[in-house]
Amino acid sequence: MSLPRSSSAGPPAAGASEADATAAARPAHTLDDQLLYDQIGAAAAAIRGRWTSVPRVGLILGTGLGRFASLIETDARIPYADIPHFAASTVASHTGQLVCGRLGGVPLVALEGRVHFYEGYTMRQVTFPVRVIKALGAETLIATNAAGAMNLDYELADVVIVDDHINLMPDNPLRGFNDDRLGPRFPDMSAPYDRELTNVARQAATELGVPTRTGVFVAVPGPNLETRAEYRMLRNLGADIVGMSTVPEVIVAAHAGLRTLVLSIVTDLCDPDSLEPATLEKMLAVAERGAGHLERLIPRIVAHLGP
């Protein structure tokens, strides 16, 4: 019978590797966390086996936005099932494949669909693709999503440039042992949304005539939509839009040192005084309209990053 590893195991023996030193510092209940770094490496290696370019950008395509992938000069399409440790999306509107190629000459990888906490996955699984994007060499993350609007000035299919967020998720992707190879124990969140990229997005939208807003995104666990009282609460907290994704990915992106931009499409209006039933079919139809705006806007933003 083996004894549990002590959290005060002391310094590693002479000649021990960095990985050994990291493992020795782990308390017993976090030993499984030592797998994360290796899992990221295995996933990145599998992708490099089919696409050898180094991406400048990682792009997450949210609900109803999968058609954007058709704009990418594609070198490889890799189903998530072919990438070690990638979780499979169970949402019908999320294709579940990694698209590797170039957009306007800029090498990038695009997640055609994401997985969500409400699907039953852990926060580590939800955010694992962001870790892999970083491991592949990307410096910037652009994430998109569909969101409901509590701000009554917003209209359907508006693009919202997110400049801050409120996290109401019941778990945090950084909870547990911190592997310093992936990022600091206490990452700063004073500006998780890159201000330069936010300004670039605003300017590009103005030049293209794309209707945009700037606002605060609040993340909730889902999968049910909110009640009238909950929409009032979220609005009183200072949120403009609400969704069931993205914030965990942004937290991990900040931890990993990725510059981050988030663009949301308003797919339903959440006025508690005149709330109408929302269906996935209705939201997808509006997302299709908003996708047209992003198809014009994102290439201009990516072009700013250079080849």
Foldseek 3Di string as FASTA:
>chain_A
DDDFQACCQDADDPPDDPLVRLQNNAGRVQNVVSCLVVLLVQQLVLVCVQPVDQAQEEEEQEALQLVLLVQFPFRDKAALVSGGLADAAPDPRQPGIWTWGDQPNGTYIYRRYFHFVLVVDDLCNRQSVLLNSVVSPYQAYEYEYAWAFLPPVDDQLAKEWEFEEAEPEPDANLPGDDDPVQFDNDFDVPGLAAPVLSVLLVVLCVVVVGHYHYWYEYADQDDDDDALVVSVVCVVVGGGIYDHDDPNNSVSCSRRNHHYIYMYGHQHYRHSVDDDDDDSVSSSVSSNSSSVSVSSRVSSSSVVVPD
